Every structure is written in C-alpha cells, then in structure tokens.
PDB file of N, CA and C in Angstrom:
ATOM      1  N   MET A   1       9.481 -13.085  -7.302  1.00  0.00           N
ATOM      2  CA  MET A   1       8.297 -12.564  -7.964  1.00  0.00           C
ATOM      3  C   MET A   1       7.095 -12.715  -7.033  1.00  0.00           C
ATOM      4  N   VAL A   2       6.334 -11.671  -6.938  1.00  0.00           N
ATOM      5  CA  VAL A   2       5.155 -11.666  -6.075  1.00  0.00           C
ATOM      6  C   VAL A   2       3.915 -11.662  -6.952  1.00  0.00           C
ATOM      7  N   ILE A   3       3.057 -12.620  -6.722  1.00  0.00           N
ATOM      8  CA  ILE A   3       1.809 -12.696  -7.486  1.00  0.00           C
ATOM      9  C   ILE A   3       0.702 -12.088  -6.621  1.00  0.00           C
ATOM     10  N   ILE A   4       0.070 -11.052  -7.149  1.00  0.00           N
ATOM     11  CA  ILE A   4      -0.975 -10.333  -6.411  1.00  0.00           C
ATOM     12  C   ILE A   4      -2.300 -10.540  -7.136  1.00  0.00           C
ATOM     13  N   LYS A   5      -3.285 -11.006  -6.401  1.00  0.00           N
ATOM     14  CA  LYS A   5      -4.602 -11.240  -6.987  1.00  0.00           C
ATOM     15  C   LYS A   5      -5.310  -9.917  -7.241  1.00  0.00           C
ATOM     16  N   ARG A   6      -6.210  -9.946  -8.187  1.00  0.00           N
ATOM     17  CA  ARG A   6      -6.976  -8.753  -8.543  1.00  0.00           C
ATOM     18  C   ARG A   6      -7.820  -8.258  -7.366  1.00  0.00           C
ATOM     19  N   GLU A   7      -8.368  -9.187  -6.574  1.00  0.00           N
ATOM     20  CA  GLU A   7      -9.200  -8.811  -5.431  1.00  0.00           C
ATOM     21  C   GLU A   7      -8.378  -8.080  -4.371  1.00  0.00           C
ATOM     22  N   GLU A   8      -7.131  -8.540  -4.162  1.00  0.00           N
ATOM     23  CA  GLU A   8      -6.260  -7.883  -3.180  1.00  0.00           C
ATOM     24  C   GLU A   8      -5.894  -6.477  -3.639  1.00  0.00           C
ATOM     25  N   ARG A   9      -5.594  -6.335  -4.909  1.00  0.00           N
ATOM     26  CA  ARG A   9      -5.258  -5.017  -5.455  1.00  0.00           C
ATOM     27  C   ARG A   9      -6.449  -4.070  -5.343  1.00  0.00           C
ATOM     28  N   LYS A  10      -7.645  -4.593  -5.600  1.00  0.00           N
ATOM     29  CA  LYS A  10      -8.857  -3.783  -5.517  1.00  0.00           C
ATOM     30  C   LYS A  10      -9.111  -3.327  -4.084  1.00  0.00           C
ATOM     31  N   LYS A  11      -8.855  -4.208  -3.096  1.00  0.00           N
ATOM     32  CA  LYS A  11      -9.008  -3.843  -1.681  1.00  0.00           C
ATOM     33  C   LYS A  11      -8.108  -2.666  -1.318  1.00  0.00           C
ATOM     34  N   VAL A  12      -6.860  -2.717  -1.799  1.00  0.00           N
ATOM     35  CA  VAL A  12      -5.899  -1.649  -1.498  1.00  0.00           C
ATOM     36  C   VAL A  12      -6.336  -0.347  -2.149  1.00  0.00           C
ATOM     37  N   PHE A  13      -6.778  -0.389  -3.392  1.00  0.00           N
ATOM     38  CA  PHE A  13      -7.227   0.813  -4.087  1.00  0.00           C
ATOM     39  C   PHE A  13      -8.419   1.450  -3.374  1.00  0.00           C
ATOM     40  N   ILE A  14      -9.382   0.629  -2.982  1.00  0.00           N
ATOM     41  CA  ILE A  14     -10.571   1.144  -2.298  1.00  0.00           C
ATOM     42  C   ILE A  14     -10.180   1.750  -0.952  1.00  0.00           C
ATOM     43  N   TYR A  15      -9.302   1.073  -0.217  1.00  0.00           N
ATOM     44  CA  TYR A  15      -8.867   1.580   1.091  1.00  0.00           C
ATOM     45  C   TYR A  15      -8.134   2.916   0.937  1.00  0.00           C
ATOM     46  N   LEU A  16      -7.280   3.026  -0.077  1.00  0.00           N
ATOM     47  CA  LEU A  16      -6.558   4.276  -0.297  1.00  0.00           C
ATOM     48  C   LEU A  16      -7.493   5.418  -0.683  1.00  0.00           C
ATOM     49  N   LEU A  17      -8.476   5.138  -1.521  1.00  0.00           N
ATOM     50  CA  LEU A  17      -9.407   6.191  -1.921  1.00  0.00           C
ATOM     51  C   LEU A  17     -10.299   6.639  -0.766  1.00  0.00           C
ATOM     52  N   GLN A  18     -10.664   5.724   0.120  1.00  0.00           N
ATOM     53  CA  GLN A  18     -11.519   6.081   1.248  1.00  0.00           C
ATOM     54  C   GLN A  18     -10.755   6.844   2.325  1.00  0.00           C
ATOM     55  N   ASN A  19      -9.517   6.417   2.641  1.00  0.00           N
ATOM     56  CA  ASN A  19      -8.779   6.984   3.766  1.00  0.00           C
ATOM     57  C   ASN A  19      -7.693   7.968   3.353  1.00  0.00           C
ATOM     58  N   GLY A  20      -7.163   7.834   2.157  1.00  0.00           N
ATOM     59  CA  GLY A  20      -6.124   8.747   1.701  1.00  0.00           C
ATOM     60  C   GLY A  20      -4.722   8.361   2.134  1.00  0.00           C
ATOM     61  N   VAL A  21      -4.597   7.430   3.060  1.00  0.00           N
ATOM     62  CA  VAL A  21      -3.274   6.998   3.529  1.00  0.00           C
ATOM     63  C   VAL A  21      -3.335   5.520   3.913  1.00  0.00           C
ATOM     64  N   ILE A  22      -2.227   4.828   3.693  1.00  0.00           N
ATOM     65  CA  ILE A  22      -2.111   3.441   4.131  1.00  0.00           C
ATOM     66  C   ILE A  22      -0.789   3.315   4.875  1.00  0.00           C
ATOM     67  N   CYS A  23      -0.826   2.643   6.002  1.00  0.00           N
ATOM     68  CA  CYS A  23       0.337   2.514   6.876  1.00  0.00           C
ATOM     69  C   CYS A  23       0.519   1.046   7.238  1.00  0.00           C
ATOM     70  N   PHE A  24       1.749   0.566   7.143  1.00  0.00           N
ATOM     71  CA  PHE A  24       2.041  -0.809   7.529  1.00  0.00           C
ATOM     72  C   PHE A  24       3.503  -0.911   7.922  1.00  0.00           C
ATOM     73  N   PRO A  25       3.842  -1.877   8.804  1.00  0.00           N
ATOM     74  CA  PRO A  25       5.227  -2.010   9.265  1.00  0.00           C
ATOM     75  C   PRO A  25       6.146  -2.581   8.184  1.00  0.00           C
ATOM     76  N   LYS A  26       7.448  -2.406   8.412  1.00  0.00           N
ATOM     77  CA  LYS A  26       8.451  -2.874   7.460  1.00  0.00           C
ATOM     78  C   LYS A  26       8.503  -4.392   7.370  1.00  0.00           C
ATOM     79  N   ASN A  27       8.100  -5.088   8.413  1.00  0.00           N
ATOM     80  CA  ASN A  27       8.146  -6.543   8.442  1.00  0.00           C
ATOM     81  C   ASN A  27       7.288  -7.109   7.315  1.00  0.00           C
ATOM     82  N   THR A  28       7.925  -7.778   6.365  1.00  0.00           N
ATOM     83  CA  THR A  28       7.217  -8.232   5.167  1.00  0.00           C
ATOM     84  C   THR A  28       6.483  -9.546   5.363  1.00  0.00           C
ATOM     85  N   LYS A  29       6.762 -10.265   6.441  1.00  0.00           N
ATOM     86  CA  LYS A  29       6.122 -11.571   6.651  1.00  0.00           C
ATOM     87  C   LYS A  29       4.767 -11.467   7.350  1.00  0.00           C
ATOM     88  N   ASP A  30       4.476 -10.333   7.961  1.00  0.00           N
ATOM     89  CA  ASP A  30       3.213 -10.156   8.673  1.00  0.00           C
ATOM     90  C   ASP A  30       2.067  -9.903   7.703  1.00  0.00           C
ATOM     91  N   ILE A  31       0.861 -10.123   8.202  1.00  0.00           N
ATOM     92  CA  ILE A  31      -0.354  -9.835   7.440  1.00  0.00           C
ATOM     93  C   ILE A  31      -1.012  -8.610   8.050  1.00  0.00           C
ATOM     94  N   ASN A  32      -1.412  -7.688   7.203  1.00  0.00           N
ATOM     95  CA  ASN A  32      -2.062  -6.469   7.668  1.00  0.00           C
ATOM     96  C   ASN A  32      -3.411  -6.824   8.276  1.00  0.00           C
ATOM     97  N   PRO A  33      -3.681  -6.433   9.540  1.00  0.00           N
ATOM     98  CA  PRO A  33      -4.944  -6.814  10.179  1.00  0.00           C
ATOM     99  C   PRO A  33      -6.168  -6.124   9.583  1.00  0.00           C
ATOM    100  N   VAL A  34      -5.983  -4.968   8.998  1.00  0.00           N
ATOM    101  CA  VAL A  34      -7.121  -4.227   8.434  1.00  0.00           C
ATOM    102  C   VAL A  34      -7.549  -4.813   7.096  1.00  0.00           C
ATOM    103  N   LEU A  35      -6.571  -5.094   6.227  1.00  0.00           N
ATOM    104  CA  LEU A  35      -6.891  -5.556   4.877  1.00  0.00           C
ATOM    105  C   LEU A  35      -6.768  -7.067   4.709  1.00  0.00           C
ATOM    106  N   GLY A  36      -6.030  -7.729   5.580  1.00  0.00           N
ATOM    107  CA  GLY A  36      -5.837  -9.162   5.454  1.00  0.00           C
ATOM    108  C   GLY A  36      -4.907  -9.553   4.320  1.00  0.00           C
ATOM    109  N   ILE A  37      -3.970  -8.672   3.984  1.00  0.00           N
ATOM    110  CA  ILE A  37      -3.020  -8.891   2.897  1.00  0.00           C
ATOM    111  C   ILE A  37      -1.610  -8.814   3.480  1.00  0.00           C
ATOM    112  N   GLU A  38      -0.694  -9.619   2.944  1.00  0.00           N
ATOM    113  CA  GLU A  38       0.685  -9.595   3.411  1.00  0.00           C
ATOM    114  C   GLU A  38       1.307  -8.218   3.159  1.00  0.00           C
ATOM    115  N   ASN A  39       2.186  -7.804   4.073  1.00  0.00           N
ATOM    116  CA  ASN A  39       2.828  -6.499   3.948  1.00  0.00           C
ATOM    117  C   ASN A  39       3.714  -6.400   2.710  1.00  0.00           C
ATOM    118  N   LEU A  40       4.302  -7.514   2.291  1.00  0.00           N
ATOM    119  CA  LEU A  40       5.113  -7.497   1.076  1.00  0.00           C
ATOM    120  C   LEU A  40       4.266  -7.154  -0.141  1.00  0.00           C
ATOM    121  N   LYS A  41       3.073  -7.730  -0.217  1.00  0.00           N
ATOM    122  CA  LYS A  41       2.175  -7.419  -1.335  1.00  0.00           C
ATOM    123  C   LYS A  41       1.714  -5.972  -1.280  1.00  0.00           C
ATOM    124  N   LEU A  42       1.427  -5.476  -0.063  1.00  0.00           N
ATOM    125  CA  LEU A  42       1.048  -4.069   0.087  1.00  0.00           C
ATOM    126  C   LEU A  42       2.164  -3.158  -0.397  1.00  0.00           C
ATOM    127  N   PHE A  43       3.389  -3.494  -0.020  1.00  0.00           N
ATOM    128  CA  PHE A  43       4.523  -2.674  -0.435  1.00  0.00           C
ATOM    129  C   PHE A  43       4.687  -2.682  -1.950  1.00  0.00           C
ATOM    130  N   MET A  44       4.536  -3.833  -2.574  1.00  0.00           N
ATOM    131  CA  MET A  44       4.685  -3.922  -4.028  1.00  0.00           C
ATOM    132  C   MET A  44       3.601  -3.136  -4.765  1.00  0.00           C
ATOM    133  N   ILE A  45       2.372  -3.201  -4.267  1.00  0.00           N
ATOM    134  CA  ILE A  45       1.284  -2.433  -4.881  1.00  0.00           C
ATOM    135  C   ILE A  45       1.554  -0.944  -4.736  1.00  0.00           C
ATOM    136  N   CYS A  46       1.960  -0.524  -3.547  1.00  0.00           N
ATOM    137  CA  CYS A  46       2.213   0.900  -3.302  1.00  0.00           C
ATOM    138  C   CYS A  46       3.445   1.386  -4.052  1.00  0.00           C
ATOM    139  N   LYS A  47       4.437   0.518  -4.224  1.00  0.00           N
ATOM    140  CA  LYS A  47       5.629   0.893  -4.987  1.00  0.00           C
ATOM    141  C   LYS A  47       5.264   1.151  -6.450  1.00  0.00           C
ATOM    142  N   THR A  48       4.362   0.339  -6.983  1.00  0.00           N
ATOM    143  CA  THR A  48       3.897   0.541  -8.352  1.00  0.00           C
ATOM    144  C   THR A  48       3.138   1.855  -8.475  1.00  0.00           C
ATOM    145  N   LEU A  49       2.264   2.130  -7.492  1.00  0.00           N
ATOM    146  CA  LEU A  49       1.523   3.388  -7.512  1.00  0.00           C
ATOM    147  C   LEU A  49       2.456   4.588  -7.359  1.00  0.00           C
ATOM    148  N   MET A  50       3.525   4.418  -6.574  1.00  0.00           N
ATOM    149  CA  MET A  50       4.481   5.504  -6.385  1.00  0.00           C
ATOM    150  C   MET A  50       5.236   5.798  -7.691  1.00  0.00           C
ATOM    151  N   SER A  51       5.576   4.775  -8.453  1.00  0.00           N
ATOM    152  CA  SER A  51       6.275   4.992  -9.717  1.00  0.00           C
ATOM    153  C   SER A  51       5.375   5.678 -10.747  1.00  0.00           C
ATOM    154  N   LYS A  52       4.063   5.503 -10.598  1.00  0.00           N
ATOM    155  CA  LYS A  52       3.120   6.184 -11.486  1.00  0.00           C
ATOM    156  C   LYS A  52       2.781   7.589 -11.001  1.00  0.00           C
ATOM    157  N   GLY A  53       3.239   7.967  -9.806  1.00  0.00           N
ATOM    158  CA  GLY A  53       2.991   9.295  -9.269  1.00  0.00           C
ATOM    159  C   GLY A  53       1.663   9.432  -8.553  1.00  0.00           C
ATOM    160  N   CYS A  54       1.033   8.322  -8.204  1.00  0.00           N
ATOM    161  CA  CYS A  54      -0.279   8.361  -7.550  1.00  0.00           C
ATOM    162  C   CYS A  54      -0.179   8.510  -6.035  1.00  0.00           C
ATOM    163  N   VAL A  55       0.907   8.040  -5.441  1.00  0.00           N
ATOM    164  CA  VAL A  55       1.100   8.129  -3.998  1.00  0.00           C
ATOM    165  C   VAL A  55       2.504   8.637  -3.698  1.00  0.00           C
ATOM    166  N   THR A  56       2.689   9.154  -2.484  1.00  0.00           N
ATOM    167  CA  THR A  56       4.011   9.535  -2.010  1.00  0.00           C
ATOM    168  C   THR A  56       4.346   8.693  -0.796  1.00  0.00           C
ATOM    169  N   GLN A  57       5.635   8.413  -0.622  1.00  0.00           N
ATOM    170  CA  GLN A  57       6.066   7.518   0.445  1.00  0.00           C
ATOM    171  C   GLN A  57       6.817   8.280   1.529  1.00  0.00           C
ATOM    172  N   LEU A  58       6.571   7.868   2.778  1.00  0.00           N
ATOM    173  CA  LEU A  58       7.325   8.341   3.927  1.00  0.00           C
ATOM    174  C   LEU A  58       7.657   7.123   4.762  1.00  0.00           C
ATOM    175  N   PHE A  59       8.934   6.974   5.126  1.00  0.00           N
ATOM    176  CA  PHE A  59       9.360   5.845   5.947  1.00  0.00           C
ATOM    177  C   PHE A  59       9.875   6.399   7.259  1.00  0.00           C
ATOM    178  N   ASN A  60       9.216   6.022   8.358  1.00  0.00           N
ATOM    179  CA  ASN A  60       9.570   6.556   9.662  1.00  0.00           C
ATOM    180  C   ASN A  60       9.351   5.490  10.732  1.00  0.00           C
ATOM    181  N   TRP A  61      10.348   5.269  11.570  1.00  0.00           N
ATOM    182  CA  TRP A  61      10.261   4.330  12.683  1.00  0.00           C
ATOM    183  C   TRP A  61       9.789   2.948  12.250  1.00  0.00           C
ATOM    184  N   GLN A  62      10.387   2.438  11.193  1.00  0.00           N
ATOM    185  CA  GLN A  62      10.115   1.096  10.668  1.00  0.00           C
ATOM    186  C   GLN A  62       8.681   0.923  10.156  1.00  0.00           C
ATOM    187  N   PHE A  63       8.039   2.011   9.786  1.00  0.00           N
ATOM    188  CA  PHE A  63       6.699   1.960   9.201  1.00  0.00           C
ATOM    189  C   PHE A  63       6.713   2.679   7.861  1.00  0.00           C
ATOM    190  N   HIS A  64       6.003   2.109   6.892  1.00  0.00           N
ATOM    191  CA  HIS A  64       5.805   2.735   5.588  1.00  0.00           C
ATOM    192  C   HIS A  64       4.485   3.503   5.634  1.00  0.00           C
ATOM    193  N   TYR A  65       4.519   4.744   5.196  1.00  0.00           N
ATOM    194  CA  TYR A  65       3.309   5.558   5.062  1.00  0.00           C
ATOM    195  C   TYR A  65       3.194   5.970   3.599  1.00  0.00           C
ATOM    196  N   PHE A  66       2.126   5.575   2.957  1.00  0.00           N
ATOM    197  CA  PHE A  66       1.870   5.968   1.581  1.00  0.00           C
ATOM    198  C   PHE A  66       0.615   6.843   1.579  1.00  0.00           C
ATOM    199  N   THR A  67       0.761   8.070   1.109  1.00  0.00           N
ATOM    200  CA  THR A  67      -0.377   8.994   1.060  1.00  0.00           C
ATOM    201  C   THR A  67      -0.764   9.238  -0.400  1.00  0.00           C
ATOM    202  N   LEU A  68      -2.033   9.365  -0.606  1.00  0.00           N
ATOM    203  CA  LEU A  68      -2.575   9.579  -1.949  1.00  0.00           C
ATOM    204  C   LEU A  68      -2.279  11.015  -2.384  1.00  0.00           C
ATOM    205  N   SER A  69      -1.759  11.186  -3.592  1.00  0.00           N
ATOM    206  CA  SER A  69      -1.494  12.518  -4.114  1.00  0.00           C
ATOM    207  C   SER A  69      -2.672  12.986  -4.975  1.00  0.00           C
ATOM    208  N   THR A  70      -2.596  14.224  -5.426  1.00  0.00           N
ATOM    209  CA  THR A  70      -3.683  14.758  -6.243  1.00  0.00           C
ATOM    210  C   THR A  70      -3.746  14.059  -7.602  1.00  0.00           C
ATOM    211  N   ASP A  71      -2.621  13.570  -8.086  1.00  0.00           N
ATOM    212  CA  ASP A  71      -2.619  12.832  -9.353  1.00  0.00           C
ATOM    213  C   ASP A  71      -3.270  11.469  -9.220  1.00  0.00           C
ATOM    214  N   GLY A  72      -3.278  10.915  -7.996  1.00  0.00           N
ATOM    215  CA  GLY A  72      -3.847   9.601  -7.781  1.00  0.00           C
ATOM    216  C   GLY A  72      -5.355   9.582  -7.651  1.00  0.00           C
ATOM    217  N   ILE A  73      -5.946  10.751  -7.496  1.00  0.00           N
ATOM    218  CA  ILE A  73      -7.403  10.815  -7.305  1.00  0.00           C
ATOM    219  C   ILE A  73      -8.119  10.749  -8.592  1.00  0.00           C
TER     220      ILE A  73
END
C-alpha cells in the first residue's frame, strides 16, 4: 500500500495541467528531480487518473509518459 500525501497529489495535478505531460523512468525507487516525489507514487497517481480517463499512458524505452486527455482538462 502506498500512502500519498495531499500536497504531493496536488503537485502532480498542477504539473500536469501546466505542461500536459509527465514523464518518469520505470525505476520505482528513484525520486523525480522536477517534483521531488518518488516514481512509485507518481505511477500510482497517474494510474488512478488513467482509470478515470483523464490521462493516457505510453511506455517506451523504460520511461512512462502520461499525457493529459481532453476529459482530464
């Protein structure tokens, strides 16, 4: 079970709305240098958004790319 703080979730939402895409490596133990959040937490937040239809996922060369869809805006 991954516990994600409200502040971390808010950072991800703001970053996605400003840039439209979030990219991070598959390695779950690293911390994202831009947001300062673990990649596992980023993946879990984006997976939840993907199940709601807000983002679409692309996995290429060991990197996750989540792009904001029109439903997510």
